[in-house]
Amino acid sequence: MIARKEKIAYGLGDTASNIVFQTIMLFLAFFYTDIYGISAATVGTMFLVVRLIDAVTDPLMGLLTDKTRSRHGQFRPYLLWLALPFAACSVLAFTTPELGENGKIWYAYATYTLLMLAYTAINIPYSALGGVLTSDPNERVSIQSYRFVFGMLGGLLVTLFTLPLVDWFGQGDAASGYQWTIATMSLLGIVLFLLCFAGTRERVVCPPQRLGLRNGLRILWANDAWRTLAKVAILLLIGIAIKNTLAIYYVKYYLLREDLITAFVSLGMVGNILGCALANPLTRRIDKVKAYKALQLISAAVCLAAFWVPADQLVLAFTLYFFWGFFLQMATPILWAKIADVADYGQQQSGIRATGLVYSSVVFFIKVGIALGGAIAGWWLSFYGYQADQVQSAEAQYGILVAFTVFPAIASLLVAWVMRRYTLDQQRVVHIAQQLAG
C-alpha cells in the first residue's frame, strides 16, 4: 500500500502541470484572439502545426527517460531539473511584445513551441512516474485518482483566479495582467513540482536495457492494447479540447453573460474534481473497462442535451456543464491506470519494460487530440464569421453552440466504440502483474 502522503505528493505534480495545462486549454485561444490580436483561423492552424513537433520530441523524451539512471531515480530527476525552465516558457507564451502583425504571429509560434517542448520534457517523466510507484493494479487507480483530484484543483485555481488576477494586475491593461498572472501561477508551480520530487519514491525498477527508437516503436505497435489507447487518446482529447477552448466563447457570446465566465468554468472544474475523486470507489465495484465505456456514453448524453438549452436557461446550462465534467473526468484516472497496465502487458509480450516510451507515446496522441481540437475550434469560429470582442451574428452563435455541445458528444461516443476492442480487463491485468512479480 502506498501511503496517502505520497499519493498527495504525487498529485501536487499534476497541480503544477494543470496550472499551465488548464490555462492553455481554457484561456490561450481567447488570449490570442481577443488580447493579442491574432485571427481565430491563424490560432487554429498554429495549434495544429506546433503539435507536429511532438511527433519527434515525445517518443525521444520517452526513450530518454527509459535510459535515465541517477541517484534520484529514473523519472523524478526531471521534476527537479525542469521546473524553472517550464515556468519561464509559460510566462513567455503569455507575453505580448509590440510587434507588427507578422511579428506577432512569429512570436506566438516560437513561444508556444517552447512551451510545448518544456511541457513534454517535464510532463512525460511525471506521468511515467505514476506507473512505477507501485505494481498493484488497484493502487494504480487510487494513485491516479489522487493525481487528477489534485490536478483539477490546479485547474480550479486557474478558473477561479485567472480573470480576477488579470484585472488586479493589469488595472485595465489585460495583456500585462495575463503576463503577471501566469508569472505568479508559474512560481507556485515550481514549488509544487519540488514537493512532488521530494515526496515520491520509485519502486518498479527496470534493469538496464537496450532500447532504440526503431525497436521501441516496433514493440509498441505489437501491443494491441496500446493501439486501442492511442485511438482513445486522440478522440477523447479532440472533444475535450473543443469544449474547453470554446467554454469562454459559449458564455460570453451565446449565453451573453461575460460576467459569469469565472463562475461557469469554475463550476465545471468542481465537477471534474468530484468525478476524479469517485473513480477509485467506482472501480472497486465495477471492472475498469466496463466503467470507462459507460462513463463515456453518459458524458456524451449530458453534453448533447446542452444543445437544446436556450441561452436564457442559465441554471440548466451550468448544471449540464457541471455533470459533463463530473462523468467525463471520473473516467480520467481509469484511463491513466490503464496506461500502466499496458506497460505491464508490453513487458509480458516482449520482455522489455518501456514505461517512458509507453507513457510518452500516449501523451503524444493526447497532444494530437488537443491540437486537432484546438485547430477545429479556431477554424470553426472563423468559418462561422466570428469577430473578436464584438457582438456575434446569429450564425456565429449557432456555430459556437454546435461545436460546444455536439462535437464533444460525438467524440465520447467514438471513444466508447473504440474501447470494444480493449481486452485488458481487471482479471487479466492482475494475472499479468502476478506473472511479472513471480
Protein backbone atom coordinates (compact mmCIF):
# COMPACT_ATOMS: atom_id res chain seq x y z
CA MET A 1 0.00 0.00 0.00
CA ILE A 2 1.22 3.48 -0.89
CA ALA A 3 0.87 5.98 1.94
CA ARG A 4 -1.66 8.76 1.46
CA LYS A 5 1.09 11.31 2.00
CA GLU A 6 2.97 10.01 -1.03
CA LYS A 7 -0.17 9.95 -3.18
CA ILE A 8 -0.78 13.59 -2.26
CA ALA A 9 2.83 14.46 -3.09
CA TYR A 10 2.44 12.81 -6.49
CA GLY A 11 -0.83 14.65 -7.04
CA LEU A 12 0.84 18.00 -6.37
CA GLY A 13 2.90 17.46 -9.52
CA ASP A 14 -0.29 17.46 -11.54
CA THR A 15 -1.49 20.55 -9.71
CA ALA A 16 1.64 22.23 -11.06
CA SER A 17 1.13 20.84 -14.57
CA ASN A 18 -2.53 21.84 -14.67
CA ILE A 19 -1.82 25.40 -13.65
CA VAL A 20 -0.35 25.73 -17.15
CA PHE A 21 -2.29 22.99 -18.98
CA GLN A 22 -5.73 24.26 -17.97
CA THR A 23 -4.69 27.83 -18.70
CA ILE A 24 -3.78 26.74 -22.23
CA MET A 25 -7.00 24.76 -22.65
CA LEU A 26 -9.31 27.46 -21.29
CA PHE A 27 -7.64 30.79 -21.96
CA LEU A 28 -4.87 30.63 -24.59
CA ALA A 29 -7.09 30.73 -27.70
CA PHE A 30 -9.11 33.59 -26.19
CA PHE A 31 -5.86 35.35 -25.19
CA TYR A 32 -4.51 35.09 -28.74
CA THR A 33 -7.71 36.24 -30.48
CA ASP A 34 -9.09 38.86 -28.08
CA ILE A 35 -5.97 40.16 -26.31
CA TYR A 36 -3.00 39.63 -28.62
CA GLY A 37 -4.98 40.23 -31.81
CA ILE A 38 -4.34 37.11 -33.90
CA SER A 39 -7.13 35.75 -36.09
CA ALA A 40 -9.02 32.63 -35.00
CA ALA A 41 -8.00 30.76 -38.17
CA THR A 42 -4.32 31.54 -37.56
CA VAL A 43 -4.59 30.35 -33.96
CA GLY A 44 -6.26 27.12 -35.06
CA THR A 45 -3.52 26.42 -37.60
CA MET A 46 -0.79 27.24 -35.07
CA PHE A 47 -2.25 24.83 -32.51
CA LEU A 48 -2.03 22.05 -35.10
CA VAL A 49 1.37 22.89 -36.64
CA VAL A 50 3.21 23.24 -33.33
CA ARG A 51 1.94 19.86 -32.15
CA LEU A 52 3.56 18.19 -35.16
CA ILE A 53 6.88 18.78 -33.43
CA ASP A 54 5.67 16.44 -30.70
CA ALA A 55 5.73 13.60 -33.24
CA VAL A 56 9.51 13.71 -32.80
CA THR A 57 10.03 15.03 -29.28
CA ASP A 58 7.54 12.85 -27.38
CA PRO A 59 8.98 9.41 -28.27
CA LEU A 60 12.52 10.76 -27.92
CA MET A 61 11.69 12.03 -24.43
CA GLY A 62 10.19 8.66 -23.58
CA LEU A 63 13.31 6.84 -24.73
CA LEU A 64 15.49 9.29 -22.80
CA THR A 65 13.63 8.64 -19.57
CA ASP A 66 13.77 4.86 -20.12
CA LYS A 67 17.56 5.16 -20.34
CA THR A 68 17.95 7.61 -17.45
CA ARG A 69 19.68 6.32 -14.32
CA SER A 70 20.51 8.67 -11.45
CA ARG A 71 20.73 8.70 -7.69
CA HIS A 72 17.24 10.28 -7.68
CA GLY A 73 15.73 7.55 -9.85
CA GLN A 74 14.60 7.29 -13.45
CA PHE A 75 11.76 9.82 -13.71
CA ARG A 76 11.86 12.00 -10.58
CA PRO A 77 15.02 13.97 -11.53
CA TYR A 78 13.25 15.72 -14.39
CA LEU A 79 10.88 17.40 -11.93
CA LEU A 80 13.90 18.92 -10.22
CA TRP A 81 15.76 19.88 -13.40
CA LEU A 82 12.93 21.34 -15.46
CA ALA A 83 10.54 23.10 -13.07
CA LEU A 84 12.17 26.50 -13.60
CA PRO A 85 12.52 26.32 -17.44
CA PHE A 86 8.87 25.22 -17.69
CA ALA A 87 7.77 28.23 -15.64
CA ALA A 88 9.86 30.61 -17.75
CA CYS A 89 8.39 29.30 -21.03
CA SER A 90 4.88 29.69 -19.62
CA VAL A 91 5.47 33.39 -18.93
CA LEU A 92 6.96 33.96 -22.39
CA ALA A 93 3.88 32.44 -24.07
CA PHE A 94 1.63 34.95 -22.31
CA THR A 95 3.86 37.94 -23.02
CA THR A 96 2.76 40.36 -25.76
CA PRO A 97 5.62 42.41 -27.23
CA GLU A 98 4.78 45.32 -29.53
CA LEU A 99 5.33 43.78 -32.95
CA GLY A 100 3.71 44.04 -36.35
CA GLU A 101 1.08 41.57 -37.50
CA ASN A 102 3.59 39.07 -38.88
CA GLY A 103 5.91 39.60 -35.92
CA LYS A 104 3.10 38.74 -33.51
CA ILE A 105 2.42 35.50 -35.37
CA TRP A 106 6.10 34.50 -35.43
CA TYR A 107 6.47 35.32 -31.73
CA ALA A 108 3.35 33.29 -30.87
CA TYR A 109 4.66 30.31 -32.85
CA ALA A 110 8.09 30.50 -31.22
CA THR A 111 6.94 30.86 -27.62
CA TYR A 112 4.10 28.34 -27.93
CA THR A 113 6.61 25.85 -29.39
CA LEU A 114 9.00 26.44 -26.48
CA LEU A 115 6.15 25.97 -24.01
CA MET A 116 5.11 22.67 -25.58
CA LEU A 117 8.70 21.41 -25.61
CA ALA A 118 9.07 22.28 -21.92
CA TYR A 119 5.71 20.66 -21.15
CA THR A 120 6.82 17.48 -22.94
CA ALA A 121 10.12 17.40 -21.10
CA ILE A 122 8.58 17.60 -17.62
CA ASN A 123 5.16 16.02 -18.05
CA ILE A 124 6.22 12.75 -19.69
CA PRO A 125 8.57 11.81 -16.83
CA TYR A 126 5.94 12.95 -14.34
CA SER A 127 3.24 10.81 -15.98
CA ALA A 128 5.53 7.78 -16.20
CA LEU A 129 6.42 8.19 -12.52
CA GLY A 130 2.85 7.17 -11.65
CA GLY A 131 3.45 3.79 -13.29
CA VAL A 132 6.50 2.95 -11.15
CA LEU A 133 5.25 3.98 -7.71
CA THR A 134 3.60 0.53 -7.38
CA SER A 135 2.88 -2.62 -9.40
CA ASP A 136 -0.54 -3.15 -7.74
CA PRO A 137 -3.30 -2.56 -10.37
CA ASN A 138 -5.81 -1.39 -7.72
CA GLU A 139 -3.35 1.00 -6.13
CA ARG A 140 -2.65 2.48 -9.56
CA VAL A 141 -6.25 3.65 -9.87
CA SER A 142 -6.03 5.14 -6.37
CA ILE A 143 -2.79 6.95 -7.24
CA GLN A 144 -4.28 8.32 -10.46
CA SER A 145 -7.40 9.42 -8.58
CA TYR A 146 -5.25 11.45 -6.21
CA ARG A 147 -3.29 12.76 -9.17
CA PHE A 148 -6.30 14.05 -11.03
CA VAL A 149 -8.11 15.38 -7.97
CA PHE A 150 -5.08 17.50 -7.21
CA GLY A 151 -4.60 18.21 -10.91
CA MET A 152 -8.12 19.54 -11.16
CA LEU A 153 -7.56 21.57 -8.01
CA GLY A 154 -4.84 23.26 -10.04
CA GLY A 155 -7.42 23.79 -12.75
CA LEU A 156 -9.80 25.23 -10.16
CA LEU A 157 -7.13 27.72 -9.12
CA VAL A 158 -6.88 28.71 -12.78
CA THR A 159 -10.61 29.13 -13.29
CA LEU A 160 -11.20 30.96 -10.01
CA PHE A 161 -8.28 33.34 -10.05
CA THR A 162 -7.09 33.91 -13.64
CA LEU A 163 -9.54 36.61 -14.70
CA PRO A 164 -9.69 38.34 -11.28
CA LEU A 165 -5.87 38.40 -11.17
CA VAL A 166 -5.71 39.68 -14.75
CA ASP A 167 -7.94 42.58 -13.69
CA TRP A 168 -5.97 43.18 -10.48
CA PHE A 169 -2.51 43.03 -12.04
CA GLY A 170 -3.50 44.73 -15.28
CA GLN A 171 -5.56 47.64 -13.94
CA GLY A 172 -7.18 47.94 -17.36
CA ASP A 173 -4.22 46.51 -19.32
CA ALA A 174 -5.28 42.91 -20.00
CA ALA A 175 -2.02 41.99 -21.73
CA SER A 176 0.07 42.98 -18.71
CA GLY A 177 -2.47 41.36 -16.42
CA TYR A 178 -2.16 37.99 -18.16
CA GLN A 179 1.65 38.15 -18.05
CA TRP A 180 1.84 38.81 -14.30
CA THR A 181 -0.91 36.31 -13.56
CA ILE A 182 0.93 33.49 -15.34
CA ALA A 183 4.19 34.52 -13.67
CA THR A 184 2.56 34.23 -10.25
CA MET A 185 1.00 30.85 -11.02
CA SER A 186 4.25 29.57 -12.50
CA LEU A 187 6.14 30.35 -9.30
CA LEU A 188 3.59 28.28 -7.40
CA GLY A 189 4.09 25.51 -9.95
CA ILE A 190 7.84 25.40 -9.26
CA VAL A 191 7.20 24.88 -5.54
CA LEU A 192 4.66 22.10 -6.20
CA PHE A 193 6.97 20.22 -8.60
CA LEU A 194 9.70 20.27 -5.95
CA LEU A 195 7.30 18.92 -3.34
CA CYS A 196 6.33 16.12 -5.72
CA PHE A 197 10.00 15.30 -6.29
CA ALA A 198 10.73 15.20 -2.56
CA GLY A 199 7.65 13.19 -1.56
CA THR A 200 7.64 10.26 -4.00
CA ARG A 201 9.67 7.07 -4.44
CA GLU A 202 10.17 4.83 -7.48
CA ARG A 203 9.56 1.16 -6.62
CA VAL A 204 9.17 -0.59 -10.00
CA VAL A 205 12.80 -0.52 -11.11
CA CYS A 206 13.72 -1.59 -14.64
CA PRO A 207 17.08 -3.29 -15.25
CA PRO A 208 19.38 -1.59 -17.80
CA GLN A 209 18.17 -2.45 -21.30
CA ARG A 210 18.99 -1.58 -24.87
CA LEU A 211 16.00 0.17 -26.39
CA GLY A 212 16.37 2.16 -29.60
CA LEU A 213 13.67 4.20 -31.29
CA ARG A 214 13.00 1.69 -34.06
CA ASN A 215 12.86 -1.29 -31.72
CA GLY A 216 10.77 0.68 -29.23
CA LEU A 217 8.20 1.67 -31.85
CA ARG A 218 8.07 -1.92 -33.09
CA ILE A 219 7.32 -3.13 -29.56
CA LEU A 220 4.60 -0.51 -29.18
CA TRP A 221 2.92 -1.43 -32.45
CA ALA A 222 2.84 -5.10 -31.49
CA ASN A 223 0.89 -4.14 -28.35
CA ASP A 224 -2.78 -4.26 -29.38
CA ALA A 225 -3.92 -2.66 -26.10
CA TRP A 226 -1.57 0.28 -26.73
CA ARG A 227 -3.03 0.75 -30.22
CA THR A 228 -6.52 0.97 -28.73
CA LEU A 229 -5.48 3.54 -26.11
CA ALA A 230 -3.74 5.63 -28.78
CA LYS A 231 -7.03 5.92 -30.70
CA VAL A 232 -8.92 6.66 -27.50
CA ALA A 233 -6.47 9.41 -26.55
CA ILE A 234 -6.89 11.24 -29.86
CA LEU A 235 -10.67 11.05 -29.96
CA LEU A 236 -11.17 11.88 -26.30
CA LEU A 237 -8.93 14.94 -26.31
CA ILE A 238 -10.40 16.30 -29.55
CA GLY A 239 -13.73 16.54 -27.75
CA ILE A 240 -12.30 17.92 -24.52
CA ALA A 241 -10.14 20.49 -26.32
CA ILE A 242 -13.06 21.76 -28.41
CA LYS A 243 -15.33 22.12 -25.38
CA ASN A 244 -12.72 23.71 -23.13
CA THR A 245 -11.47 26.05 -25.86
CA LEU A 246 -14.99 27.27 -26.57
CA ALA A 247 -16.23 27.47 -22.96
CA ILE A 248 -15.41 31.18 -22.65
CA TYR A 249 -16.87 31.91 -26.08
CA TYR A 250 -20.03 29.96 -25.15
CA VAL A 251 -20.61 32.02 -22.00
CA LYS A 252 -19.64 35.39 -23.49
CA TYR A 253 -21.23 35.13 -26.92
CA TYR A 254 -24.02 32.51 -26.64
CA LEU A 255 -25.26 32.90 -23.05
CA LEU A 256 -24.36 36.62 -23.28
CA ARG A 257 -23.09 36.67 -19.69
CA GLU A 258 -19.43 37.63 -19.78
CA ASP A 259 -19.67 38.37 -16.05
CA LEU A 260 -20.29 34.66 -15.39
CA ILE A 261 -17.26 33.23 -17.20
CA THR A 262 -15.31 32.61 -13.99
CA ALA A 263 -18.33 31.03 -12.27
CA PHE A 264 -19.07 28.80 -15.28
CA VAL A 265 -15.59 27.36 -15.80
CA SER A 266 -15.02 27.06 -12.03
CA LEU A 267 -18.22 25.07 -11.57
CA GLY A 268 -17.08 22.78 -14.37
CA MET A 269 -13.77 22.28 -12.59
CA VAL A 270 -15.57 21.37 -9.36
CA GLY A 271 -17.42 18.70 -11.33
CA ASN A 272 -14.07 17.46 -12.64
CA ILE A 273 -12.64 17.21 -9.12
CA LEU A 274 -15.63 15.31 -7.71
CA GLY A 275 -15.63 12.94 -10.67
CA CYS A 276 -11.92 12.15 -10.27
CA ALA A 277 -12.40 11.55 -6.54
CA LEU A 278 -15.07 8.91 -7.21
CA ALA A 279 -13.07 6.95 -9.80
CA ASN A 280 -11.36 4.71 -7.24
CA PRO A 281 -14.55 3.70 -5.34
CA LEU A 282 -16.22 3.01 -8.68
CA THR A 283 -13.51 0.67 -9.98
CA ARG A 284 -13.51 -1.30 -6.73
CA ARG A 285 -17.07 -2.33 -7.63
CA ILE A 286 -17.07 -2.33 -11.44
CA ASP A 287 -14.44 -3.54 -13.91
CA LYS A 288 -12.34 -0.62 -15.18
CA VAL A 289 -13.06 -1.25 -18.85
CA LYS A 290 -16.84 -1.53 -18.40
CA ALA A 291 -16.87 1.56 -16.18
CA TYR A 292 -14.85 3.57 -18.69
CA LYS A 293 -17.18 2.79 -21.60
CA ALA A 294 -20.29 3.54 -19.55
CA LEU A 295 -18.91 6.90 -18.40
CA GLN A 296 -18.17 7.93 -21.98
CA LEU A 297 -21.75 7.16 -23.02
CA ILE A 298 -23.21 9.09 -20.08
CA SER A 299 -20.99 12.14 -20.66
CA ALA A 300 -21.95 12.10 -24.36
CA ALA A 301 -25.64 12.17 -23.47
CA VAL A 302 -25.18 15.03 -21.00
CA CYS A 303 -23.11 17.05 -23.45
CA LEU A 304 -25.57 16.56 -26.30
CA ALA A 305 -28.51 17.59 -24.10
CA ALA A 306 -26.96 21.07 -23.78
CA PHE A 307 -27.58 21.67 -27.49
CA TRP A 308 -31.29 22.19 -26.77
CA VAL A 309 -30.77 24.56 -23.83
CA PRO A 310 -31.88 28.13 -24.70
CA ALA A 311 -29.45 30.95 -23.92
CA ASP A 312 -31.66 32.30 -21.13
CA GLN A 313 -31.72 28.99 -19.21
CA LEU A 314 -28.56 29.71 -17.24
CA VAL A 315 -29.15 27.24 -14.40
CA LEU A 316 -29.64 24.36 -16.83
CA ALA A 317 -26.61 25.36 -18.91
CA PHE A 318 -24.44 25.49 -15.78
CA THR A 319 -25.84 22.19 -14.46
CA LEU A 320 -25.16 20.27 -17.67
CA TYR A 321 -21.62 21.65 -17.89
CA PHE A 322 -21.01 20.52 -14.29
CA PHE A 323 -22.27 16.99 -14.94
CA TRP A 324 -20.38 16.69 -18.23
CA GLY A 325 -17.13 17.32 -16.34
CA PHE A 326 -18.23 15.08 -13.46
CA PHE A 327 -18.85 11.97 -15.57
CA LEU A 328 -16.08 12.53 -18.11
CA GLN A 329 -13.37 13.15 -15.51
CA MET A 330 -14.48 10.18 -13.44
CA ALA A 331 -13.07 8.19 -16.37
CA THR A 332 -9.71 10.00 -16.48
CA PRO A 333 -7.90 8.20 -13.61
CA ILE A 334 -9.13 4.93 -15.10
CA LEU A 335 -7.52 5.80 -18.44
CA TRP A 336 -4.16 6.63 -16.86
CA ALA A 337 -4.21 3.48 -14.72
CA LYS A 338 -4.78 1.51 -17.93
CA ILE A 339 -1.63 3.04 -19.44
CA ALA A 340 0.40 1.45 -16.64
CA ASP A 341 -1.43 -1.82 -17.31
CA VAL A 342 -0.45 -1.54 -20.98
CA ALA A 343 3.21 -1.12 -19.97
CA ASP A 344 2.95 -4.35 -17.94
CA TYR A 345 1.30 -6.10 -20.88
CA GLY A 346 4.08 -4.95 -23.20
CA GLN A 347 6.72 -6.28 -20.81
CA GLN A 348 4.94 -9.64 -20.70
CA GLN A 349 4.89 -9.74 -24.51
CA SER A 350 8.44 -8.63 -25.30
CA GLY A 351 10.41 -8.93 -22.07
CA ILE A 352 11.24 -5.23 -22.27
CA ARG A 353 9.66 -2.68 -19.96
CA ALA A 354 9.37 0.64 -21.82
CA THR A 355 7.43 2.67 -19.26
CA GLY A 356 8.66 6.04 -20.50
CA LEU A 357 8.02 5.20 -24.14
CA VAL A 358 4.51 3.88 -23.44
CA TYR A 359 3.54 6.99 -21.49
CA SER A 360 5.24 9.39 -23.92
CA SER A 361 3.51 7.81 -26.91
CA VAL A 362 0.06 8.04 -25.29
CA VAL A 363 0.83 11.61 -24.21
CA PHE A 364 1.76 12.31 -27.83
CA PHE A 365 -1.64 11.13 -29.04
CA ILE A 366 -3.28 13.16 -26.27
CA LYS A 367 -1.44 16.20 -27.63
CA VAL A 368 -2.53 15.33 -31.16
CA GLY A 369 -6.11 15.30 -29.91
CA ILE A 370 -5.64 18.64 -28.15
CA ALA A 371 -4.05 20.09 -31.30
CA LEU A 372 -6.83 18.87 -33.56
CA GLY A 373 -9.50 20.01 -31.10
CA GLY A 374 -7.95 23.46 -30.76
CA ALA A 375 -7.49 23.73 -34.52
CA ILE A 376 -11.07 22.64 -35.23
CA ALA A 377 -12.36 25.18 -32.70
CA GLY A 378 -10.37 28.01 -34.29
CA TRP A 379 -11.26 27.07 -37.85
CA TRP A 380 -14.93 26.58 -36.87
CA LEU A 381 -15.11 30.05 -35.34
CA SER A 382 -13.57 31.53 -38.48
CA PHE A 383 -15.92 29.58 -40.76
CA TYR A 384 -18.96 30.94 -38.90
CA GLY A 385 -17.69 34.51 -39.11
CA TYR A 386 -16.53 35.06 -35.53
CA GLN A 387 -15.37 38.62 -34.83
CA ALA A 388 -13.20 39.08 -31.76
CA ASP A 389 -14.70 41.11 -28.89
CA GLN A 390 -17.81 42.13 -30.85
CA VAL A 391 -21.48 41.23 -30.85
CA GLN A 392 -21.70 37.97 -32.80
CA SER A 393 -24.15 37.19 -35.58
CA ALA A 394 -26.86 34.59 -35.03
CA GLU A 395 -24.89 32.29 -37.35
CA ALA A 396 -21.72 32.63 -35.27
CA GLN A 397 -23.67 31.99 -32.07
CA TYR A 398 -25.12 28.83 -33.60
CA GLY A 399 -21.66 27.69 -34.67
CA ILE A 400 -20.34 28.13 -31.13
CA LEU A 401 -23.30 26.17 -29.73
CA VAL A 402 -22.86 23.23 -32.15
CA ALA A 403 -19.14 22.90 -31.54
CA PHE A 404 -19.52 23.25 -27.77
CA THR A 405 -22.20 20.56 -27.43
CA VAL A 406 -22.43 18.21 -30.42
CA PHE A 407 -18.74 17.73 -31.27
CA PRO A 408 -17.59 16.58 -27.79
CA ALA A 409 -20.59 14.23 -27.58
CA ILE A 410 -19.60 12.59 -30.87
CA ALA A 411 -16.03 12.22 -29.62
CA SER A 412 -17.15 10.39 -26.46
CA LEU A 413 -19.41 8.06 -28.45
CA LEU A 414 -16.48 7.16 -30.71
CA VAL A 415 -14.27 6.51 -27.67
CA ALA A 416 -16.83 4.06 -26.25
CA TRP A 417 -17.00 2.33 -29.64
CA VAL A 418 -13.20 2.00 -29.93
CA MET A 419 -12.96 0.56 -26.41
CA ARG A 420 -14.90 -2.51 -27.55
CA ARG A 421 -11.57 -3.98 -28.67
CA TYR A 422 -9.72 -3.39 -25.40
CA THR A 423 -9.13 -6.74 -23.68
CA LEU A 424 -7.12 -5.90 -20.54
CA ASP A 425 -9.91 -6.30 -18.01
CA GLN A 426 -9.21 -6.39 -14.26
CA GLN A 427 -8.81 -10.16 -14.04
CA ARG A 428 -6.27 -10.18 -16.85
CA VAL A 429 -4.15 -7.29 -15.55
CA VAL A 430 -3.97 -8.91 -12.08
CA HIS A 431 -2.76 -12.12 -13.72
CA ILE A 432 -0.11 -10.22 -15.72
CA ALA A 433 1.10 -8.38 -12.60
CA GLN A 434 1.43 -11.70 -10.76
CA GLN A 435 3.42 -13.20 -13.63
CA LEU A 436 5.82 -10.26 -13.74
CA ALA A 437 6.26 -10.32 -9.96
CA GLY A 438 6.95 -14.08 -9.99
